[in-house]
Amino acid sequence: AAAGVRLVSVDRAGYGGSSPLPAGTAPAITGFADDLAAALRHLGIADAGVAGWSGGGRVAAALAARHPEMVRALAIVGTPAPHEDVPWIPDENMAMMEPLRGDPAGAVEVLTPVFAEMAASPAAGVGAVMGGADDEAVLAADPGLRERLEAAMAEAFAQGSVGVAADIVSYTLVPWGFDPA
């Protein structure tokens, strides 16, 4: 407030306090972006500087692509590119996704238990987003950082792993619906 900044943080479906998508709904990055646009409009925000981290970066980029009048600046942090353009998902994970391709809505239900351990343990959640030794060095340099990340993960997974399952389906089984370039 002292800097004149209004910070709004929005949870995607199934994360934090946000309800999961209704059963049978295929999650889509563009759908999440449209939800974000609706939330901003509801709050009376006509345009904003938008930032997204990890999967949230995809949603922020989709918001900028679909609702450019609402986004005056865009920052994406640690956001992977589409796997088809820059392969980054291990082959064994992609092999697990292939049988689910015909039913993206049902895939969320199949994948939710796969990530149950990560949702149950904030430390496991932090481990899942770590990039290796470099990230460990950053955490070691700030003694409270791991604790803050674990608290953020605990909040994100308040409803279990349905949010992360929906995210994974939205970027592996459902077309992104916009050109990130």
N, C-alpha and C. Protein backbone atom coordinates (compact mmCIF):
# COMPACT_ATOMS: atom_id res chain seq x y z
N ALA A 1 0.83 -1.20 0.00
CA ALA A 1 0.00 0.00 0.00
C ALA A 1 0.87 1.25 0.00
N ALA A 2 1.95 1.25 0.77
CA ALA A 2 2.82 2.43 0.84
C ALA A 2 3.45 2.73 -0.52
N ALA A 3 3.66 1.69 -1.33
CA ALA A 3 4.25 1.88 -2.65
C ALA A 3 3.19 2.13 -3.72
N GLY A 4 1.92 2.15 -3.32
CA GLY A 4 0.85 2.36 -4.28
C GLY A 4 0.54 1.14 -5.11
N VAL A 5 0.82 -0.03 -4.59
CA VAL A 5 0.60 -1.28 -5.32
C VAL A 5 -0.55 -2.04 -4.67
N ARG A 6 -1.48 -2.48 -5.48
CA ARG A 6 -2.53 -3.37 -5.02
C ARG A 6 -2.15 -4.76 -5.50
N LEU A 7 -1.89 -5.67 -4.59
CA LEU A 7 -1.48 -7.03 -4.93
C LEU A 7 -2.69 -7.95 -4.81
N VAL A 8 -2.98 -8.64 -5.88
CA VAL A 8 -4.07 -9.61 -5.90
C VAL A 8 -3.46 -10.95 -6.29
N SER A 9 -3.70 -11.96 -5.48
CA SER A 9 -3.21 -13.30 -5.77
C SER A 9 -4.43 -14.21 -5.94
N VAL A 10 -4.46 -14.93 -7.05
CA VAL A 10 -5.62 -15.76 -7.37
C VAL A 10 -5.18 -17.22 -7.45
N ASP A 11 -5.91 -18.08 -6.75
CA ASP A 11 -5.65 -19.53 -6.82
C ASP A 11 -6.40 -20.11 -8.00
N ARG A 12 -5.72 -20.93 -8.79
CA ARG A 12 -6.41 -21.66 -9.85
C ARG A 12 -7.30 -22.74 -9.23
N ALA A 13 -8.20 -23.26 -10.03
CA ALA A 13 -9.13 -24.29 -9.57
C ALA A 13 -8.37 -25.44 -8.90
N GLY A 14 -8.80 -25.77 -7.68
CA GLY A 14 -8.21 -26.89 -6.95
C GLY A 14 -7.02 -26.54 -6.09
N TYR A 15 -6.56 -25.30 -6.14
CA TYR A 15 -5.44 -24.86 -5.30
C TYR A 15 -5.96 -23.94 -4.20
N GLY A 16 -5.29 -23.97 -3.05
CA GLY A 16 -5.63 -23.06 -1.97
C GLY A 16 -7.11 -23.12 -1.63
N GLY A 17 -7.75 -21.95 -1.64
CA GLY A 17 -9.17 -21.88 -1.31
C GLY A 17 -10.09 -21.94 -2.50
N SER A 18 -9.55 -22.19 -3.68
CA SER A 18 -10.36 -22.20 -4.90
C SER A 18 -10.92 -23.60 -5.16
N SER A 19 -12.20 -23.66 -5.43
CA SER A 19 -12.86 -24.95 -5.68
C SER A 19 -12.25 -25.66 -6.89
N PRO A 20 -12.18 -26.99 -6.84
CA PRO A 20 -11.74 -27.73 -8.03
C PRO A 20 -12.75 -27.55 -9.16
N LEU A 21 -12.31 -27.84 -10.37
CA LEU A 21 -13.24 -27.84 -11.49
C LEU A 21 -14.30 -28.90 -11.24
N PRO A 22 -15.51 -28.70 -11.75
CA PRO A 22 -16.53 -29.74 -11.60
C PRO A 22 -16.07 -31.04 -12.26
N ALA A 23 -16.46 -32.16 -11.69
CA ALA A 23 -16.12 -33.47 -12.27
C ALA A 23 -16.57 -33.50 -13.72
N GLY A 24 -15.72 -34.08 -14.57
CA GLY A 24 -16.05 -34.20 -15.98
C GLY A 24 -15.65 -32.99 -16.81
N THR A 25 -15.02 -32.00 -16.18
CA THR A 25 -14.57 -30.80 -16.90
C THR A 25 -13.10 -30.96 -17.26
N ALA A 26 -12.78 -30.80 -18.53
CA ALA A 26 -11.37 -30.86 -18.95
C ALA A 26 -10.71 -29.53 -18.63
N PRO A 27 -9.63 -29.54 -17.85
CA PRO A 27 -8.95 -28.29 -17.51
C PRO A 27 -8.20 -27.74 -18.72
N ALA A 28 -8.24 -26.44 -18.89
CA ALA A 28 -7.54 -25.80 -20.01
C ALA A 28 -6.88 -24.52 -19.53
N ILE A 29 -5.67 -24.29 -20.02
CA ILE A 29 -4.95 -23.07 -19.65
C ILE A 29 -5.79 -21.85 -20.00
N THR A 30 -6.43 -21.87 -21.17
CA THR A 30 -7.24 -20.72 -21.58
C THR A 30 -8.45 -20.55 -20.66
N GLY A 31 -9.00 -21.63 -20.17
CA GLY A 31 -10.10 -21.54 -19.21
C GLY A 31 -9.65 -20.88 -17.91
N PHE A 32 -8.45 -21.27 -17.44
CA PHE A 32 -7.91 -20.65 -16.24
C PHE A 32 -7.67 -19.15 -16.47
N ALA A 33 -7.18 -18.80 -17.67
CA ALA A 33 -6.93 -17.39 -18.00
C ALA A 33 -8.24 -16.61 -18.03
N ASP A 34 -9.28 -17.20 -18.59
CA ASP A 34 -10.58 -16.53 -18.64
C ASP A 34 -11.14 -16.37 -17.22
N ASP A 35 -10.91 -17.36 -16.35
CA ASP A 35 -11.33 -17.23 -14.95
C ASP A 35 -10.61 -16.05 -14.29
N LEU A 36 -9.31 -15.92 -14.58
CA LEU A 36 -8.54 -14.82 -14.02
C LEU A 36 -9.06 -13.48 -14.53
N ALA A 37 -9.38 -13.40 -15.81
CA ALA A 37 -9.94 -12.16 -16.37
C ALA A 37 -11.26 -11.82 -15.67
N ALA A 38 -12.08 -12.83 -15.43
CA ALA A 38 -13.35 -12.60 -14.75
C ALA A 38 -13.13 -12.10 -13.32
N ALA A 39 -12.14 -12.69 -12.63
CA ALA A 39 -11.84 -12.25 -11.26
C ALA A 39 -11.37 -10.80 -11.25
N LEU A 40 -10.49 -10.44 -12.19
CA LEU A 40 -10.02 -9.06 -12.26
C LEU A 40 -11.18 -8.10 -12.53
N ARG A 41 -12.04 -8.45 -13.47
CA ARG A 41 -13.21 -7.61 -13.77
C ARG A 41 -14.10 -7.47 -12.54
N HIS A 42 -14.31 -8.58 -11.84
CA HIS A 42 -15.14 -8.56 -10.63
C HIS A 42 -14.56 -7.59 -9.59
N LEU A 43 -13.26 -7.52 -9.52
CA LEU A 43 -12.59 -6.63 -8.57
C LEU A 43 -12.46 -5.19 -9.09
N GLY A 44 -12.95 -4.96 -10.30
CA GLY A 44 -12.89 -3.61 -10.87
C GLY A 44 -11.51 -3.25 -11.40
N ILE A 45 -10.72 -4.24 -11.74
CA ILE A 45 -9.37 -4.01 -12.24
C ILE A 45 -9.41 -4.09 -13.77
N ALA A 46 -9.18 -2.96 -14.42
CA ALA A 46 -9.26 -2.90 -15.88
C ALA A 46 -7.97 -3.37 -16.54
N ASP A 47 -6.84 -3.08 -15.91
CA ASP A 47 -5.56 -3.54 -16.43
C ASP A 47 -4.59 -3.72 -15.27
N ALA A 48 -3.61 -4.59 -15.49
CA ALA A 48 -2.70 -4.93 -14.40
C ALA A 48 -1.36 -5.37 -14.93
N GLY A 49 -0.35 -5.25 -14.10
CA GLY A 49 0.91 -5.94 -14.31
C GLY A 49 0.68 -7.35 -13.78
N VAL A 50 0.96 -8.36 -14.58
CA VAL A 50 0.62 -9.74 -14.23
C VAL A 50 1.90 -10.56 -14.14
N ALA A 51 2.00 -11.37 -13.09
CA ALA A 51 3.14 -12.26 -12.93
C ALA A 51 2.62 -13.66 -12.65
N GLY A 52 3.31 -14.65 -13.19
CA GLY A 52 2.95 -16.03 -12.93
C GLY A 52 4.20 -16.86 -12.72
N TRP A 53 4.13 -17.79 -11.77
CA TRP A 53 5.24 -18.67 -11.45
C TRP A 53 4.84 -20.10 -11.82
N SER A 54 5.74 -20.82 -12.43
CA SER A 54 5.54 -22.21 -12.82
C SER A 54 4.30 -22.30 -13.70
N GLY A 55 3.34 -23.15 -13.35
CA GLY A 55 2.12 -23.28 -14.15
C GLY A 55 1.33 -21.99 -14.22
N GLY A 56 1.48 -21.14 -13.21
CA GLY A 56 0.81 -19.84 -13.22
C GLY A 56 1.34 -18.93 -14.32
N GLY A 57 2.58 -19.17 -14.75
CA GLY A 57 3.14 -18.40 -15.85
C GLY A 57 2.41 -18.68 -17.15
N ARG A 58 2.00 -19.92 -17.35
CA ARG A 58 1.22 -20.26 -18.54
C ARG A 58 -0.10 -19.51 -18.54
N VAL A 59 -0.73 -19.46 -17.38
CA VAL A 59 -2.02 -18.77 -17.26
C VAL A 59 -1.83 -17.27 -17.47
N ALA A 60 -0.78 -16.71 -16.91
CA ALA A 60 -0.51 -15.27 -17.11
C ALA A 60 -0.27 -14.97 -18.59
N ALA A 61 0.49 -15.83 -19.27
CA ALA A 61 0.75 -15.63 -20.70
C ALA A 61 -0.54 -15.78 -21.51
N ALA A 62 -1.38 -16.74 -21.14
CA ALA A 62 -2.66 -16.91 -21.83
C ALA A 62 -3.57 -15.71 -21.59
N LEU A 63 -3.53 -15.16 -20.39
CA LEU A 63 -4.31 -13.94 -20.11
C LEU A 63 -3.86 -12.82 -21.03
N ALA A 64 -2.55 -12.64 -21.18
CA ALA A 64 -2.02 -11.59 -22.05
C ALA A 64 -2.41 -11.83 -23.51
N ALA A 65 -2.43 -13.09 -23.93
CA ALA A 65 -2.77 -13.42 -25.32
C ALA A 65 -4.26 -13.25 -25.59
N ARG A 66 -5.10 -13.66 -24.63
CA ARG A 66 -6.55 -13.65 -24.84
C ARG A 66 -7.21 -12.34 -24.44
N HIS A 67 -6.61 -11.63 -23.50
CA HIS A 67 -7.18 -10.38 -22.97
C HIS A 67 -6.09 -9.31 -22.91
N PRO A 68 -5.50 -8.98 -24.05
CA PRO A 68 -4.35 -8.06 -24.03
C PRO A 68 -4.66 -6.69 -23.43
N GLU A 69 -5.88 -6.27 -23.51
CA GLU A 69 -6.25 -4.98 -22.94
C GLU A 69 -6.15 -4.97 -21.42
N MET A 70 -6.12 -6.14 -20.80
CA MET A 70 -6.07 -6.24 -19.34
C MET A 70 -4.65 -6.33 -18.80
N VAL A 71 -3.67 -6.58 -19.68
CA VAL A 71 -2.29 -6.86 -19.22
C VAL A 71 -1.36 -5.76 -19.74
N ARG A 72 -0.90 -4.91 -18.81
CA ARG A 72 0.04 -3.85 -19.22
C ARG A 72 1.49 -4.30 -19.14
N ALA A 73 1.75 -5.33 -18.36
CA ALA A 73 3.10 -5.90 -18.25
C ALA A 73 2.95 -7.36 -17.84
N LEU A 74 3.87 -8.18 -18.30
CA LEU A 74 3.81 -9.61 -18.02
C LEU A 74 5.18 -10.11 -17.57
N ALA A 75 5.19 -10.84 -16.47
CA ALA A 75 6.41 -11.51 -16.00
C ALA A 75 6.08 -12.97 -15.75
N ILE A 76 6.88 -13.85 -16.32
CA ILE A 76 6.72 -15.28 -16.03
C ILE A 76 8.03 -15.78 -15.43
N VAL A 77 7.88 -16.60 -14.40
CA VAL A 77 9.04 -17.06 -13.63
C VAL A 77 9.01 -18.58 -13.55
N GLY A 78 10.09 -19.22 -13.99
CA GLY A 78 10.19 -20.67 -13.87
C GLY A 78 9.06 -21.40 -14.57
N THR A 79 8.67 -20.90 -15.73
CA THR A 79 7.54 -21.47 -16.46
C THR A 79 8.04 -22.27 -17.65
N PRO A 80 7.83 -23.58 -17.65
CA PRO A 80 8.27 -24.38 -18.78
C PRO A 80 7.49 -24.07 -20.06
N ALA A 81 8.19 -24.21 -21.16
CA ALA A 81 7.59 -24.04 -22.49
C ALA A 81 6.75 -25.27 -22.81
N PRO A 82 5.95 -25.20 -23.88
CA PRO A 82 5.24 -26.41 -24.31
C PRO A 82 6.23 -27.54 -24.59
N HIS A 83 5.92 -28.71 -24.10
CA HIS A 83 6.81 -29.87 -24.25
C HIS A 83 7.11 -30.15 -25.72
N GLU A 84 6.13 -29.91 -26.59
CA GLU A 84 6.32 -30.16 -28.02
C GLU A 84 7.39 -29.24 -28.61
N ASP A 85 7.56 -28.06 -28.04
CA ASP A 85 8.54 -27.09 -28.53
C ASP A 85 9.90 -27.25 -27.85
N VAL A 86 9.87 -27.51 -26.55
CA VAL A 86 11.09 -27.67 -25.75
C VAL A 86 10.87 -28.88 -24.84
N PRO A 87 11.25 -30.07 -25.29
CA PRO A 87 11.01 -31.26 -24.47
C PRO A 87 11.65 -31.15 -23.08
N TRP A 88 10.85 -31.35 -22.06
CA TRP A 88 11.35 -31.26 -20.69
C TRP A 88 10.71 -32.29 -19.77
N ILE A 89 9.63 -32.92 -20.21
CA ILE A 89 8.95 -33.91 -19.38
C ILE A 89 9.59 -35.27 -19.65
N PRO A 90 10.00 -35.99 -18.61
CA PRO A 90 10.64 -37.30 -18.82
C PRO A 90 9.75 -38.24 -19.65
N ASP A 91 10.40 -39.06 -20.48
CA ASP A 91 9.68 -39.97 -21.37
C ASP A 91 8.70 -40.87 -20.61
N GLU A 92 9.11 -41.35 -19.43
CA GLU A 92 8.22 -42.25 -18.68
C GLU A 92 6.96 -41.52 -18.22
N ASN A 93 7.07 -40.22 -17.93
CA ASN A 93 5.88 -39.45 -17.55
C ASN A 93 4.96 -39.24 -18.75
N MET A 94 5.56 -38.94 -19.91
CA MET A 94 4.75 -38.77 -21.12
C MET A 94 4.08 -40.08 -21.50
N ALA A 95 4.78 -41.20 -21.30
CA ALA A 95 4.19 -42.52 -21.60
C ALA A 95 2.98 -42.77 -20.70
N MET A 96 3.03 -42.31 -19.46
CA MET A 96 1.91 -42.46 -18.54
C MET A 96 0.71 -41.61 -19.00
N MET A 97 0.99 -40.48 -19.65
CA MET A 97 -0.07 -39.57 -20.08
C MET A 97 -0.79 -40.07 -21.35
N GLU A 98 -0.08 -40.75 -22.23
CA GLU A 98 -0.65 -41.13 -23.53
C GLU A 98 -1.98 -41.87 -23.43
N PRO A 99 -2.12 -42.87 -22.56
CA PRO A 99 -3.42 -43.57 -22.49
C PRO A 99 -4.56 -42.67 -22.01
N LEU A 100 -4.23 -41.54 -21.39
CA LEU A 100 -5.24 -40.63 -20.86
C LEU A 100 -5.67 -39.58 -21.88
N ARG A 101 -4.96 -39.50 -23.00
CA ARG A 101 -5.18 -38.44 -23.99
C ARG A 101 -6.62 -38.38 -24.48
N GLY A 102 -7.30 -39.50 -24.59
CA GLY A 102 -8.67 -39.52 -25.11
C GLY A 102 -9.71 -38.99 -24.14
N ASP A 103 -9.35 -38.84 -22.87
CA ASP A 103 -10.31 -38.39 -21.86
C ASP A 103 -9.64 -37.42 -20.88
N PRO A 104 -9.34 -36.19 -21.32
CA PRO A 104 -8.68 -35.24 -20.42
C PRO A 104 -9.46 -34.96 -19.14
N ALA A 105 -10.78 -34.92 -19.22
CA ALA A 105 -11.58 -34.67 -18.01
C ALA A 105 -11.41 -35.81 -17.01
N GLY A 106 -11.43 -37.04 -17.48
CA GLY A 106 -11.25 -38.19 -16.61
C GLY A 106 -9.82 -38.34 -16.12
N ALA A 107 -8.87 -37.79 -16.86
CA ALA A 107 -7.46 -37.89 -16.49
C ALA A 107 -7.16 -37.21 -15.16
N VAL A 108 -7.88 -36.15 -14.85
CA VAL A 108 -7.67 -35.46 -13.57
C VAL A 108 -7.93 -36.42 -12.43
N GLU A 109 -9.02 -37.17 -12.51
CA GLU A 109 -9.35 -38.14 -11.46
C GLU A 109 -8.30 -39.24 -11.37
N VAL A 110 -7.77 -39.67 -12.51
CA VAL A 110 -6.74 -40.72 -12.52
C VAL A 110 -5.44 -40.21 -11.90
N LEU A 111 -5.06 -38.95 -12.21
CA LEU A 111 -3.77 -38.42 -11.76
C LEU A 111 -3.78 -37.88 -10.33
N THR A 112 -4.92 -37.51 -9.80
CA THR A 112 -4.96 -36.93 -8.46
C THR A 112 -4.28 -37.82 -7.42
N PRO A 113 -4.56 -39.13 -7.36
CA PRO A 113 -3.87 -39.94 -6.35
C PRO A 113 -2.36 -40.10 -6.60
N VAL A 114 -1.92 -39.93 -7.85
CA VAL A 114 -0.50 -40.05 -8.16
C VAL A 114 0.31 -39.00 -7.40
N PHE A 115 -0.30 -37.83 -7.16
CA PHE A 115 0.40 -36.73 -6.51
C PHE A 115 -0.01 -36.54 -5.06
N ALA A 116 -0.68 -37.54 -4.48
CA ALA A 116 -1.17 -37.44 -3.11
C ALA A 116 -0.03 -37.24 -2.10
N GLU A 117 1.08 -37.94 -2.29
CA GLU A 117 2.20 -37.81 -1.34
C GLU A 117 2.76 -36.40 -1.36
N MET A 118 2.89 -35.82 -2.55
CA MET A 118 3.40 -34.46 -2.65
C MET A 118 2.44 -33.50 -1.94
N ALA A 119 1.14 -33.71 -2.08
CA ALA A 119 0.17 -32.84 -1.45
C ALA A 119 0.17 -32.99 0.07
N ALA A 120 0.46 -34.19 0.55
CA ALA A 120 0.43 -34.47 1.98
C ALA A 120 1.66 -33.95 2.72
N SER A 121 2.74 -33.70 1.99
CA SER A 121 3.99 -33.29 2.62
C SER A 121 4.53 -32.02 1.99
N PRO A 122 4.46 -30.89 2.70
CA PRO A 122 5.01 -29.66 2.13
C PRO A 122 6.47 -29.79 1.72
N ALA A 123 7.26 -30.58 2.45
CA ALA A 123 8.67 -30.77 2.08
C ALA A 123 8.77 -31.49 0.74
N ALA A 124 7.91 -32.49 0.52
CA ALA A 124 7.90 -33.19 -0.77
C ALA A 124 7.47 -32.24 -1.88
N GLY A 125 6.53 -31.36 -1.58
CA GLY A 125 6.09 -30.38 -2.57
C GLY A 125 7.21 -29.44 -2.96
N VAL A 126 7.98 -28.98 -1.99
CA VAL A 126 9.13 -28.12 -2.29
C VAL A 126 10.14 -28.91 -3.12
N GLY A 127 10.38 -30.16 -2.75
CA GLY A 127 11.31 -30.99 -3.51
C GLY A 127 10.88 -31.16 -4.96
N ALA A 128 9.57 -31.21 -5.19
CA ALA A 128 9.06 -31.40 -6.55
C ALA A 128 9.30 -30.19 -7.44
N VAL A 129 9.43 -29.02 -6.87
CA VAL A 129 9.64 -27.82 -7.69
C VAL A 129 11.10 -27.37 -7.71
N MET A 130 11.95 -28.12 -7.05
CA MET A 130 13.37 -27.77 -7.00
C MET A 130 14.07 -28.18 -8.29
N GLY A 131 15.07 -27.39 -8.65
CA GLY A 131 15.83 -27.66 -9.86
C GLY A 131 17.16 -28.33 -9.59
N GLY A 132 17.45 -28.71 -8.36
CA GLY A 132 18.69 -29.40 -8.08
C GLY A 132 19.59 -28.63 -7.12
N ALA A 133 20.89 -28.85 -7.27
CA ALA A 133 21.88 -28.30 -6.33
C ALA A 133 21.87 -26.78 -6.28
N ASP A 134 21.67 -26.13 -7.40
CA ASP A 134 21.64 -24.66 -7.41
C ASP A 134 20.51 -24.13 -6.54
N ASP A 135 19.35 -24.77 -6.63
CA ASP A 135 18.22 -24.35 -5.80
C ASP A 135 18.50 -24.63 -4.33
N GLU A 136 19.12 -25.76 -4.04
CA GLU A 136 19.47 -26.08 -2.65
C GLU A 136 20.41 -25.02 -2.07
N ALA A 137 21.35 -24.53 -2.89
CA ALA A 137 22.27 -23.48 -2.44
C ALA A 137 21.51 -22.20 -2.10
N VAL A 138 20.52 -21.86 -2.91
CA VAL A 138 19.71 -20.66 -2.63
C VAL A 138 18.96 -20.84 -1.32
N LEU A 139 18.38 -22.01 -1.11
CA LEU A 139 17.66 -22.27 0.14
C LEU A 139 18.60 -22.21 1.34
N ALA A 140 19.80 -22.72 1.18
CA ALA A 140 20.77 -22.71 2.28
C ALA A 140 21.21 -21.30 2.63
N ALA A 141 21.21 -20.40 1.65
CA ALA A 141 21.65 -19.02 1.89
C ALA A 141 20.61 -18.21 2.67
N ASP A 142 19.38 -18.64 2.67
CA ASP A 142 18.31 -17.92 3.39
C ASP A 142 17.60 -18.93 4.28
N PRO A 143 17.94 -18.97 5.56
CA PRO A 143 17.41 -20.00 6.45
C PRO A 143 15.88 -20.07 6.51
N GLY A 144 15.18 -18.98 6.28
CA GLY A 144 13.73 -19.01 6.36
C GLY A 144 13.04 -19.32 5.04
N LEU A 145 13.80 -19.38 3.96
CA LEU A 145 13.19 -19.56 2.64
C LEU A 145 12.50 -20.91 2.49
N ARG A 146 13.15 -21.98 2.91
CA ARG A 146 12.52 -23.31 2.80
C ARG A 146 11.22 -23.34 3.59
N GLU A 147 11.24 -22.77 4.78
CA GLU A 147 10.03 -22.75 5.60
C GLU A 147 8.91 -21.97 4.91
N ARG A 148 9.24 -20.84 4.29
CA ARG A 148 8.23 -20.06 3.57
C ARG A 148 7.70 -20.83 2.36
N LEU A 149 8.58 -21.51 1.64
CA LEU A 149 8.14 -22.32 0.50
C LEU A 149 7.26 -23.47 0.95
N GLU A 150 7.61 -24.10 2.06
CA GLU A 150 6.80 -25.20 2.57
C GLU A 150 5.42 -24.69 2.99
N ALA A 151 5.36 -23.50 3.58
CA ALA A 151 4.07 -22.92 3.96
C ALA A 151 3.23 -22.62 2.71
N ALA A 152 3.88 -22.11 1.67
CA ALA A 152 3.17 -21.84 0.42
C ALA A 152 2.65 -23.14 -0.19
N MET A 153 3.45 -24.19 -0.16
CA MET A 153 3.02 -25.48 -0.71
C MET A 153 1.87 -26.06 0.12
N ALA A 154 1.94 -25.93 1.44
CA ALA A 154 0.86 -26.43 2.29
C ALA A 154 -0.44 -25.72 1.95
N GLU A 155 -0.39 -24.42 1.74
CA GLU A 155 -1.58 -23.66 1.35
C GLU A 155 -2.07 -24.09 -0.03
N ALA A 156 -1.14 -24.23 -0.97
CA ALA A 156 -1.53 -24.62 -2.33
C ALA A 156 -2.24 -25.96 -2.34
N PHE A 157 -1.77 -26.89 -1.50
CA PHE A 157 -2.33 -28.25 -1.49
C PHE A 157 -3.38 -28.44 -0.39
N ALA A 158 -4.00 -27.37 0.03
CA ALA A 158 -5.02 -27.46 1.08
C ALA A 158 -6.15 -28.42 0.70
N GLN A 159 -6.42 -28.57 -0.59
CA GLN A 159 -7.50 -29.45 -1.05
C GLN A 159 -6.96 -30.76 -1.61
N GLY A 160 -5.70 -31.06 -1.34
CA GLY A 160 -5.09 -32.25 -1.89
C GLY A 160 -4.42 -31.96 -3.22
N SER A 161 -4.31 -32.97 -4.05
CA SER A 161 -3.51 -32.83 -5.28
C SER A 161 -4.35 -32.60 -6.54
N VAL A 162 -5.63 -32.30 -6.40
CA VAL A 162 -6.48 -32.13 -7.57
C VAL A 162 -6.04 -30.94 -8.44
N GLY A 163 -5.51 -29.90 -7.84
CA GLY A 163 -5.05 -28.74 -8.61
C GLY A 163 -3.86 -29.07 -9.48
N VAL A 164 -2.88 -29.77 -8.92
CA VAL A 164 -1.69 -30.11 -9.71
C VAL A 164 -2.06 -31.13 -10.80
N ALA A 165 -2.97 -32.04 -10.50
CA ALA A 165 -3.42 -32.99 -11.53
C ALA A 165 -4.09 -32.24 -12.69
N ALA A 166 -4.93 -31.25 -12.37
CA ALA A 166 -5.58 -30.45 -13.41
C ALA A 166 -4.56 -29.66 -14.21
N ASP A 167 -3.56 -29.11 -13.53
CA ASP A 167 -2.51 -28.37 -14.25
C ASP A 167 -1.79 -29.27 -15.25
N ILE A 168 -1.40 -30.45 -14.80
CA ILE A 168 -0.65 -31.36 -15.67
C ILE A 168 -1.49 -31.75 -16.89
N VAL A 169 -2.75 -32.02 -16.66
CA VAL A 169 -3.64 -32.35 -17.79
C VAL A 169 -3.75 -31.16 -18.73
N SER A 170 -3.86 -29.93 -18.17
CA SER A 170 -4.06 -28.74 -19.00
C SER A 170 -2.88 -28.45 -19.92
N TYR A 171 -1.68 -28.86 -19.54
CA TYR A 171 -0.56 -28.55 -20.43
C TYR A 171 0.03 -29.76 -21.13
N THR A 172 -0.48 -30.96 -20.84
CA THR A 172 0.01 -32.13 -21.58
C THR A 172 -1.05 -32.77 -22.47
N LEU A 173 -2.32 -32.69 -22.09
CA LEU A 173 -3.36 -33.38 -22.83
C LEU A 173 -4.33 -32.45 -23.56
N VAL A 174 -4.37 -31.21 -23.17
CA VAL A 174 -5.30 -30.24 -23.77
C VAL A 174 -4.48 -29.21 -24.52
N PRO A 175 -4.86 -28.88 -25.74
CA PRO A 175 -4.11 -27.83 -26.46
C PRO A 175 -4.07 -26.54 -25.64
N TRP A 176 -2.92 -25.86 -25.69
CA TRP A 176 -2.76 -24.65 -24.91
C TRP A 176 -3.77 -23.57 -25.31
N GLY A 177 -4.18 -23.53 -26.56
CA GLY A 177 -5.20 -22.58 -26.99
C GLY A 177 -4.70 -21.18 -27.30
N PHE A 178 -3.40 -20.99 -27.27
CA PHE A 178 -2.79 -19.72 -27.64
C PHE A 178 -1.35 -20.00 -28.01
N ASP A 179 -0.74 -19.07 -28.72
CA ASP A 179 0.66 -19.24 -29.11
C ASP A 179 1.54 -18.51 -28.11
N PRO A 180 2.30 -19.23 -27.29
CA PRO A 180 3.14 -18.56 -26.29
C PRO A 180 4.18 -17.62 -26.90
N ALA A 181 4.54 -17.85 -28.16
CA ALA A 181 5.52 -16.96 -28.82
C ALA A 181 4.95 -15.56 -28.96
